[in-house]
C-alpha atoms as a PDB file:
ATOM      1  CA  MET A   1       9.671   9.406 -19.596  1.00  0.00           C
ATOM      2  CA  SER A   2       8.559   6.679 -17.381  1.00  0.00           C
ATOM      3  CA  TRP A   3       5.842   7.535 -14.964  1.00  0.00           C
ATOM      4  CA  ALA A   4       4.865   6.174 -11.588  1.00  0.00           C
ATOM      5  CA  VAL A   5       1.283   6.129 -10.337  1.00  0.00           C
ATOM      6  CA  VAL A   6       0.992   6.296  -6.580  1.00  0.00           C
ATOM      7  CA  ALA A   7      -2.585   5.571  -5.138  1.00  0.00           C
ATOM      8  CA  GLY A   8      -3.407   7.003  -1.818  1.00  0.00           C
ATOM      9  CA  ALA A   9      -0.611   9.727  -2.230  1.00  0.00           C
ATOM     10  CA  SER A  10      -1.893  12.349  -0.116  1.00  0.00           C
ATOM     11  CA  GLU A  11       0.246  11.903   3.103  1.00  0.00           C
ATOM     12  CA  GLY A  12       2.126   9.175   4.987  1.00  0.00           C
ATOM     13  CA  LEU A  13       3.449   6.141   3.078  1.00  0.00           C
ATOM     14  CA  GLY A  14       1.972   7.392  -0.459  1.00  0.00           C
ATOM     15  CA  ALA A  15       3.524  10.872  -0.170  1.00  0.00           C
ATOM     16  CA  ALA A  16       6.978   9.089   0.909  1.00  0.00           C
ATOM     17  CA  PHE A  17       6.530   6.791  -2.341  1.00  0.00           C
ATOM     18  CA  ALA A  18       5.892   9.906  -4.373  1.00  0.00           C
ATOM     19  CA  ALA A  19       9.064  11.748  -3.098  1.00  0.00           C
ATOM     20  CA  GLY A  20      11.357   8.483  -3.304  1.00  0.00           C
ATOM     21  CA  LEU A  21      10.035   7.895  -6.944  1.00  0.00           C
ATOM     22  CA  ALA A  22      10.648  11.493  -7.898  1.00  0.00           C
ATOM     23  CA  ALA A  23      14.026  11.397  -6.870  1.00  0.00           C
ATOM     24  CA  ARG A  24      14.706   8.403  -9.131  1.00  0.00           C
ATOM     25  CA  GLY A  25      13.346  10.627 -11.976  1.00  0.00           C
ATOM     26  CA  HIS A  26       9.811   9.354 -12.530  1.00  0.00           C
ATOM     27  CA  GLY A  27       6.916  11.672 -13.590  1.00  0.00           C
ATOM     28  CA  LEU A  28       4.167  11.211 -11.185  1.00  0.00           C
ATOM     29  CA  VAL A  29       0.590  10.632 -11.296  1.00  0.00           C
ATOM     30  CA  LEU A  30      -0.588  11.401  -7.489  1.00  0.00           C
ATOM     31  CA  VAL A  31      -4.226   9.841  -6.776  1.00  0.00           C
ATOM     32  CA  ALA A  32      -6.292  10.595  -3.690  1.00  0.00           C
ATOM     33  CA  ARG A  33      -9.456  12.201  -2.555  1.00  0.00           C
ATOM     34  CA  ARG A  34      -7.871  15.230  -1.196  1.00  0.00           C
ATOM     35  CA  VAL A  35      -6.620  17.288  -4.294  1.00  0.00           C
ATOM     36  CA  GLU A  36      -5.549  20.324  -2.155  1.00  0.00           C
ATOM     37  CA  ARG A  37      -3.173  17.859  -0.410  1.00  0.00           C
ATOM     38  CA  LEU A  38      -1.911  16.322  -3.450  1.00  0.00           C
ATOM     39  CA  GLU A  39      -1.370  19.814  -5.123  1.00  0.00           C
ATOM     40  CA  ALA A  40       0.767  20.783  -2.173  1.00  0.00           C
ATOM     41  CA  LEU A  41       2.846  17.825  -2.388  1.00  0.00           C
ATOM     42  CA  ALA A  42       3.180  18.176  -6.027  1.00  0.00           C
ATOM     43  CA  ALA A  43       4.685  21.677  -5.753  1.00  0.00           C
ATOM     44  CA  THR A  44       7.352  20.576  -3.422  1.00  0.00           C
ATOM     45  CA  LEU A  45       8.299  17.633  -5.744  1.00  0.00           C
ATOM     46  CA  ARG A  46       8.352  19.648  -8.840  1.00  0.00           C
ATOM     47  CA  GLU A  47      10.558  22.311  -7.338  1.00  0.00           C
ATOM     48  CA  ARG A  48      12.955  19.750  -5.589  1.00  0.00           C
ATOM     49  CA  HIS A  49      13.289  17.070  -8.352  1.00  0.00           C
ATOM     50  CA  ARG A  50      12.065  19.070 -11.504  1.00  0.00           C
ATOM     51  CA  VAL A  51       9.757  15.985 -12.376  1.00  0.00           C
ATOM     52  CA  GLU A  52       6.452  16.548 -13.928  1.00  0.00           C
ATOM     53  CA  VAL A  53       3.529  15.856 -11.516  1.00  0.00           C
ATOM     54  CA  GLU A  54      -0.104  15.344 -12.086  1.00  0.00           C
ATOM     55  CA  CYS A  55      -2.721  15.042  -9.500  1.00  0.00           C
ATOM     56  CA  VAL A  56      -6.004  13.221  -9.960  1.00  0.00           C
ATOM     57  CA  GLY A  57      -8.916  13.655  -7.171  1.00  0.00           C
ATOM     58  CA  LEU A  58     -10.657  10.255  -6.969  1.00  0.00           C
ATOM     59  CA  ASP A  59     -12.376   8.190  -4.379  1.00  0.00           C
ATOM     60  CA  LEU A  60     -11.206   4.891  -5.145  1.00  0.00           C
ATOM     61  CA  ALA A  61     -14.384   3.424  -3.436  1.00  0.00           C
ATOM     62  CA  ASP A  62     -16.435   4.698  -6.542  1.00  0.00           C
ATOM     63  CA  ALA A  63     -17.338   1.996  -8.965  1.00  0.00           C
ATOM     64  CA  ASP A  64     -16.073   3.872 -11.892  1.00  0.00           C
ATOM     65  CA  ALA A  65     -12.885   5.307 -10.151  1.00  0.00           C
ATOM     66  CA  VAL A  66     -10.465   2.948 -11.928  1.00  0.00           C
ATOM     67  CA  PRO A  67     -11.911   3.520 -15.717  1.00  0.00           C
ATOM     68  CA  ARG A  68     -11.796   7.242 -14.878  1.00  0.00           C
ATOM     69  CA  LEU A  69      -8.121   7.066 -13.835  1.00  0.00           C
ATOM     70  CA  VAL A  70      -6.874   4.721 -16.723  1.00  0.00           C
ATOM     71  CA  ALA A  71      -8.670   7.342 -19.200  1.00  0.00           C
ATOM     72  CA  THR A  72      -6.772  10.037 -17.227  1.00  0.00           C
ATOM     73  CA  LEU A  73      -3.471   8.317 -17.797  1.00  0.00           C
ATOM     74  CA  GLY A  74      -3.966   8.157 -21.783  1.00  0.00           C
ATOM     75  CA  ASP A  75      -1.092   6.706 -23.552  1.00  0.00           C
ATOM     76  CA  ARG A  76       1.622   7.434 -20.768  1.00  0.00           C
ATOM     77  CA  GLU A  77       4.062   4.832 -20.088  1.00  0.00           C
ATOM     78  CA  ILE A  78       3.462   3.620 -16.821  1.00  0.00           C
ATOM     79  CA  GLY A  79       6.720   2.078 -15.146  1.00  0.00           C
ATOM     80  CA  VAL A  80       5.658   1.895 -11.521  1.00  0.00           C
ATOM     81  CA  LEU A  81       2.317   1.449  -9.734  1.00  0.00           C
ATOM     82  CA  VAL A  82       2.128   1.876  -5.951  1.00  0.00           C
ATOM     83  CA  CYS A  83      -1.025   0.431  -4.636  1.00  0.00           C
ATOM     84  CA  ASN A  84      -0.890   2.220  -1.431  1.00  0.00           C
ATOM     85  CA  ALA A  85      -4.615   3.514  -0.708  1.00  0.00           C
ATOM     86  CA  ALA A  86      -6.419   1.716   1.975  1.00  0.00           C
ATOM     87  CA  PHE A  87      -9.313   2.059   4.435  1.00  0.00           C
ATOM     88  CA  ALA A  88      -9.160   0.527   7.780  1.00  0.00           C
ATOM     89  CA  PRO A  89     -12.457   0.056   9.745  1.00  0.00           C
ATOM     90  CA  LEU A  90     -11.140  -0.227  13.455  1.00  0.00           C
ATOM     91  CA  GLY A  91     -13.199  -1.574  16.372  1.00  0.00           C
ATOM     92  CA  ALA A  92     -15.534  -4.756  17.065  1.00  0.00           C
ATOM     93  CA  PHE A  93     -16.794  -6.341  13.671  1.00  0.00           C
ATOM     94  CA  VAL A  94     -20.461  -6.092  15.059  1.00  0.00           C
ATOM     95  CA  ASP A  95     -20.328  -2.308  15.452  1.00  0.00           C
ATOM     96  CA  GLN A  96     -19.092  -1.557  12.014  1.00  0.00           C
ATOM     97  CA  SER A  97     -21.457  -0.425   9.176  1.00  0.00           C
ATOM     98  CA  ALA A  98     -22.115  -2.113   6.097  1.00  0.00           C
ATOM     99  CA  ALA A  99     -21.020   0.977   4.231  1.00  0.00           C
ATOM    100  CA  ASP A 100     -17.620   0.761   5.875  1.00  0.00           C
ATOM    101  CA  LEU A 101     -17.105  -2.853   4.930  1.00  0.00           C
ATOM    102  CA  GLU A 102     -17.975  -2.277   1.518  1.00  0.00           C
ATOM    103  CA  THR A 103     -15.593   0.825   1.193  1.00  0.00           C
ATOM    104  CA  ALA A 104     -12.597  -1.416   2.872  1.00  0.00           C
ATOM    105  CA  LEU A 105     -13.451  -3.971  -0.065  1.00  0.00           C
ATOM    106  CA  ALA A 106     -13.734  -1.650  -2.499  1.00  0.00           C
ATOM    107  CA  VAL A 107     -10.326   0.458  -1.608  1.00  0.00           C
ATOM    108  CA  ASN A 108      -8.189  -2.154  -0.597  1.00  0.00           C
ATOM    109  CA  CYS A 109      -9.129  -5.166  -2.817  1.00  0.00           C
ATOM    110  CA  ARG A 110     -11.399  -4.198  -6.010  1.00  0.00           C
ATOM    111  CA  ALA A 111      -9.797  -0.868  -6.990  1.00  0.00           C
ATOM    112  CA  PRO A 112      -6.061  -1.981  -6.880  1.00  0.00           C
ATOM    113  CA  LEU A 113      -6.606  -5.263  -8.484  1.00  0.00           C
ATOM    114  CA  LEU A 114      -8.496  -3.592 -11.337  1.00  0.00           C
ATOM    115  CA  LEU A 115      -5.654  -1.091 -11.665  1.00  0.00           C
ATOM    116  CA  VAL A 116      -3.248  -3.796 -12.015  1.00  0.00           C
ATOM    117  CA  HIS A 117      -5.381  -5.435 -14.199  1.00  0.00           C
ATOM    118  CA  ALA A 118      -5.497  -2.464 -16.525  1.00  0.00           C
ATOM    119  CA  LEU A 119      -1.866  -1.725 -16.699  1.00  0.00           C
ATOM    120  CA  LEU A 120      -0.044  -4.775 -16.439  1.00  0.00           C
ATOM    121  CA  PRO A 121      -0.662  -5.783 -19.976  1.00  0.00           C
ATOM    122  CA  ALA A 122       1.464  -3.002 -21.288  1.00  0.00           C
ATOM    123  CA  MET A 123       4.352  -3.611 -18.778  1.00  0.00           C
ATOM    124  CA  VAL A 124       4.494  -7.217 -19.749  1.00  0.00           C
ATOM    125  CA  ALA A 125       4.604  -6.304 -23.394  1.00  0.00           C
ATOM    126  CA  ARG A 126       7.564  -3.808 -22.728  1.00  0.00           C
ATOM    127  CA  ARG A 127       9.057  -6.365 -20.695  1.00  0.00           C
ATOM    128  CA  LYS A 128       9.774  -3.921 -17.839  1.00  0.00           C
ATOM    129  CA  GLY A 129       7.693  -2.307 -14.995  1.00  0.00           C
ATOM    130  CA  SER A 130       7.106  -2.652 -11.248  1.00  0.00           C
ATOM    131  CA  ILE A 131       4.062  -3.087  -9.159  1.00  0.00           C
ATOM    132  CA  ILE A 132       4.046  -2.577  -5.416  1.00  0.00           C
ATOM    133  CA  TRP A 133       1.333  -3.555  -3.480  1.00  0.00           C
ATOM    134  CA  MET A 134       1.256  -2.632   0.329  1.00  0.00           C
ATOM    135  CA  SER A 135      -0.076  -5.087   2.544  1.00  0.00           C
ATOM    136  CA  SER A 136       0.352  -5.448   6.325  1.00  0.00           C
ATOM    137  CA  LEU A 137       1.479  -7.705   9.125  1.00  0.00           C
ATOM    138  CA  THR A 138      -1.941  -8.262   9.939  1.00  0.00           C
ATOM    139  CA  ALA A 139      -2.326 -10.329   6.778  1.00  0.00           C
ATOM    140  CA  PHE A 140      -0.673 -13.248   8.310  1.00  0.00           C
ATOM    141  CA  GLN A 141      -2.991 -14.083  10.932  1.00  0.00           C
ATOM    142  CA  GLY A 142      -6.399 -13.011  12.078  1.00  0.00           C
ATOM    143  CA  SER A 143      -6.152  -9.679  13.683  1.00  0.00           C
ATOM    144  CA  PRO A 144      -9.167  -8.883  16.162  1.00  0.00           C
ATOM    145  CA  TRP A 145     -10.490  -5.400  16.332  1.00  0.00           C
ATOM    146  CA  THR A 146      -8.981  -4.919  12.628  1.00  0.00           C
ATOM    147  CA  SER A 147     -10.360  -8.137  11.382  1.00  0.00           C
ATOM    148  CA  VAL A 148     -11.653  -6.799   7.931  1.00  0.00           C
ATOM    149  CA  TYR A 149      -8.585  -4.610   7.201  1.00  0.00           C
ATOM    150  CA  GLY A 150      -6.168  -7.764   7.896  1.00  0.00           C
ATOM    151  CA  ALA A 151      -8.562  -9.749   5.771  1.00  0.00           C
ATOM    152  CA  THR A 152      -8.185  -7.620   2.832  1.00  0.00           C
ATOM    153  CA  LYS A 153      -4.453  -7.353   3.228  1.00  0.00           C
ATOM    154  CA  ALA A 154      -4.273 -10.967   3.239  1.00  0.00           C
ATOM    155  CA  PHE A 155      -5.944 -10.932  -0.156  1.00  0.00           C
ATOM    156  CA  GLY A 156      -3.310  -8.467  -1.101  1.00  0.00           C
ATOM    157  CA  LEU A 157      -0.396 -10.719   0.009  1.00  0.00           C
ATOM    158  CA  ALA A 158      -1.920 -13.661  -1.678  1.00  0.00           C
ATOM    159  CA  PHE A 159      -2.729 -11.981  -5.172  1.00  0.00           C
ATOM    160  CA  ALA A 160       0.773  -9.972  -5.215  1.00  0.00           C
ATOM    161  CA  GLU A 161       2.898 -13.319  -4.327  1.00  0.00           C
ATOM    162  CA  GLY A 162       0.748 -15.192  -6.797  1.00  0.00           C
ATOM    163  CA  LEU A 163       1.248 -12.394  -9.505  1.00  0.00           C
ATOM    164  CA  TRP A 164       4.927 -12.212  -8.980  1.00  0.00           C
ATOM    165  CA  GLY A 165       4.985 -16.113  -9.795  1.00  0.00           C
ATOM    166  CA  GLU A 166       3.205 -15.603 -13.141  1.00  0.00           C
ATOM    167  CA  VAL A 167       5.128 -12.477 -14.386  1.00  0.00           C
ATOM    168  CA  GLU A 168       8.611 -13.206 -12.974  1.00  0.00           C
ATOM    169  CA  ALA A 169       9.992 -14.279 -16.468  1.00  0.00           C
ATOM    170  CA  SER A 170       8.492 -11.311 -18.369  1.00  0.00           C
ATOM    171  CA  GLY A 171      10.887  -8.794 -16.734  1.00  0.00           C
ATOM    172  CA  VAL A 172       8.077  -7.218 -14.503  1.00  0.00           C
ATOM    173  CA  GLN A 173       8.741  -6.734 -10.823  1.00  0.00           C
ATOM    174  CA  VAL A 174       5.952  -7.418  -8.222  1.00  0.00           C
ATOM    175  CA  LEU A 175       6.660  -6.733  -4.696  1.00  0.00           C
ATOM    176  CA  VAL A 176       4.170  -6.972  -1.858  1.00  0.00           C
ATOM    177  CA  CYS A 177       5.593  -4.934   1.294  1.00  0.00           C
ATOM    178  CA  ALA A 178       3.762  -6.336   4.485  1.00  0.00           C
ATOM    179  CA  ALA A 179       4.649  -3.266   6.858  1.00  0.00           C
ATOM    180  CA  GLY A 180       4.102  -3.278  10.279  1.00  0.00           C
ATOM    181  CA  ALA A 181       3.311   0.058  12.282  1.00  0.00           C
ATOM    182  CA  THR A 182       4.143   2.954  10.656  1.00  0.00           C
ATOM    183  CA  ARG A 183       4.327   6.474  11.666  1.00  0.00           C
ATOM    184  CA  THR A 184       1.662   7.871   9.105  1.00  0.00           C
ATOM    185  CA  PRO A 185      -0.618  10.740  10.245  1.00  0.00           C
ATOM    186  CA  ASN A 186      -3.627   8.172  10.131  1.00  0.00           C
ATOM    187  CA  TYR A 187      -1.835   5.783  12.526  1.00  0.00           C
ATOM    188  CA  LEU A 188      -0.744   8.415  14.793  1.00  0.00           C
ATOM    189  CA  ALA A 189      -4.194   9.731  15.179  1.00  0.00           C
ATOM    190  CA  HIS A 190      -5.375   6.265  16.331  1.00  0.00           C
ATOM    191  CA  ALA A 191      -2.483   4.750  18.031  1.00  0.00           C
ATOM    192  CA  ALA A 192      -2.187   4.269  21.805  1.00  0.00           C
ATOM    193  CA  LYS A 193       0.140   6.332  23.779  1.00  0.00           C
ATOM    194  CA  GLY A 194       3.619   4.899  23.700  1.00  0.00           C
ATOM    195  CA  GLY A 195       3.429   3.313  20.208  1.00  0.00           C
ATOM    196  CA  ALA A 196       3.730  -0.199  19.183  1.00  0.00           C
ATOM    197  CA  PRO A 197       6.951  -2.352  18.922  1.00  0.00           C
ATOM    198  CA  GLY A 198       9.006  -1.879  15.874  1.00  0.00           C
ATOM    199  CA  GLU A 199       7.445   1.335  14.512  1.00  0.00           C
ATOM    200  CA  LEU A 200       9.098   2.945  11.504  1.00  0.00           C
ATOM    201  CA  ASP A 201       8.713   6.055   9.824  1.00  0.00           C
ATOM    202  CA  PRO A 202       7.231   6.066   6.235  1.00  0.00           C
ATOM    203  CA  GLU A 203      10.541   7.078   4.494  1.00  0.00           C
ATOM    204  CA  GLN A 204      12.105   3.973   6.090  1.00  0.00           C
ATOM    205  CA  VAL A 205       9.584   1.742   4.667  1.00  0.00           C
ATOM    206  CA  VAL A 206       9.861   3.385   1.375  1.00  0.00           C
ATOM    207  CA  ALA A 207      13.435   3.139   1.151  1.00  0.00           C
ATOM    208  CA  GLU A 208      13.722  -0.664   1.980  1.00  0.00           C
ATOM    209  CA  THR A 209      10.708  -1.178  -0.498  1.00  0.00           C
ATOM    210  CA  LEU A 210      12.516   0.449  -3.273  1.00  0.00           C
ATOM    211  CA  ARG A 211      15.767  -1.336  -2.513  1.00  0.00           C
ATOM    212  CA  HIS A 212      14.035  -4.668  -2.829  1.00  0.00           C
ATOM    213  CA  LEU A 213      12.595  -4.558  -6.147  1.00  0.00           C
ATOM    214  CA  GLY A 214      13.620  -7.720  -7.915  1.00  0.00           C
ATOM    215  CA  ARG A 215      14.804  -9.453  -4.892  1.00  0.00           C
ATOM    216  CA  GLY A 216      11.747 -11.692  -4.339  1.00  0.00           C
ATOM    217  CA  PRO A 217       7.812 -11.187  -4.077  1.00  0.00           C
ATOM    218  CA  LEU A 218       7.589 -10.292  -0.197  1.00  0.00           C
ATOM    219  CA  LEU A 219       9.189  -7.740   1.989  1.00  0.00           C
ATOM    220  CA  ILE A 220       8.735  -7.062   5.805  1.00  0.00           C
ATOM    221  CA  PRO A 221      10.394  -3.877   6.443  1.00  0.00           C
ATOM    222  CA  GLY A 222      12.257  -3.273   9.551  1.00  0.00           C
ATOM    223  CA  ALA A 223      14.577  -6.110  11.293  1.00  0.00           C
ATOM    224  CA  PHE A 224      12.387  -6.218  14.594  1.00  0.00           C
ATOM    225  CA  ASN A 225       9.332  -6.741  12.280  1.00  0.00           C
ATOM    226  CA  ARG A 226      11.004  -9.501  10.510  1.00  0.00           C
ATOM    227  CA  PHE A 227      11.809 -11.208  13.535  1.00  0.00           C
ATOM    228  CA  ALA A 228       8.554 -10.611  15.135  1.00  0.00           C
ATOM    229  CA  SER A 229       7.113 -12.065  12.116  1.00  0.00           C
ATOM    230  CA  PHE A 230       9.023 -15.288  11.911  1.00  0.00           C
ATOM    231  CA  LEU A 231       8.381 -15.964  15.446  1.00  0.00           C
ATOM    232  CA  MET A 232       4.550 -15.387  15.167  1.00  0.00           C
ATOM    233  CA  ARG A 233       4.277 -17.368  11.824  1.00  0.00           C
ATOM    234  CA  ARG A 234       6.727 -20.263  12.301  1.00  0.00           C
ATOM    235  CA  VAL A 235       7.324 -20.746  16.206  1.00  0.00           C
ATOM    236  CA  LEU A 236       4.370 -19.600  18.073  1.00  0.00           C
ATOM    237  CA  PRO A 237       0.941 -21.497  18.270  1.00  0.00           C
ATOM    238  CA  ARG A 238      -1.669 -19.924  16.231  1.00  0.00           C
ATOM    239  CA  VAL A 239      -3.971 -18.862  18.805  1.00  0.00           C
ATOM    240  CA  THR A 240      -1.106 -17.243  20.870  1.00  0.00           C
ATOM    241  CA  THR A 241      -0.515 -14.965  17.761  1.00  0.00           C
ATOM    242  CA  ILE A 242      -3.912 -13.936  17.337  1.00  0.00           C
ATOM    243  CA  ARG A 243      -4.057 -12.974  21.029  1.00  0.00           C
ATOM    244  CA  ILE A 244      -0.883 -11.061  20.781  1.00  0.00           C
ATOM    245  CA  MET A 245      -2.264  -9.114  17.789  1.00  0.00           C
ATOM    246  CA  ALA A 246      -5.351  -8.480  19.610  1.00  0.00           C
ATOM    247  CA  GLY A 247      -3.321  -7.087  22.490  1.00  0.00           C
ATOM    248  CA  GLN A 248      -2.043  -4.671  19.914  1.00  0.00           C
ATOM    249  CA  THR A 249      -4.908  -3.710  17.725  1.00  0.00           C
ATOM    250  CA  LYS A 250      -7.294  -3.206  20.567  1.00  0.00           C
ATOM    251  CA  LYS A 251      -5.300  -0.342  21.737  1.00  0.00           C
ATOM    252  CA  LEU A 252      -6.011   1.503  18.451  1.00  0.00           C
ATOM    253  CA  GLU A 253      -8.752   4.018  19.121  1.00  0.00           C
ATOM    254  CA  GLY A 254     -11.693   3.507  16.322  1.00  0.00           C
END
């Protein structure tokens, strides 16, 4: 049986990816800090889709998190890896703690990078497999008030696109999903009243992402988001796009 590993699976996009992959018949290894939420999700997915689900309680900010996860996976055939876990410091950079900055780098960059490095060789050897790296529209330009988060997402965008070019001929699919505002519990807890343009539900993002596998290295879910991203990357002056982002991100409550 082919297994899917979903990092950051306790709610929101991660839970939606777990459901979408379970519906495709994958066994699941769900990873997050909050094991009780993973277990509740696992029970639902086992009953609904009749798949095997294992829950792994890990904080991906820990230096030994990836080796521990890889040891837990054992000799399972991992067919899909979803790098969805994220930490987003909000507010002015000068007000953020060094600990939060280190956590953002560890969770958003170091852990998924090492996890891909650990699991990709077997995929290449089998000449099949899929890696999905969740990025963000904040990756395409500086995003005031979420500057560190946006920078880590820019790292993921560049890395995943480069990796796609390296392994395209091997049969392994790499896709980076640059999502816009998505109605996850974490986003809704910080979003301004009235939300943001182009908001999508997690299930919409996941459905588009899974459909796009094998069709190129980058997906921006949602027609509005694709149009807005085109304007901001190709038409508007850089300083204008940064100011537009600032107008949206400053509404987020840190």
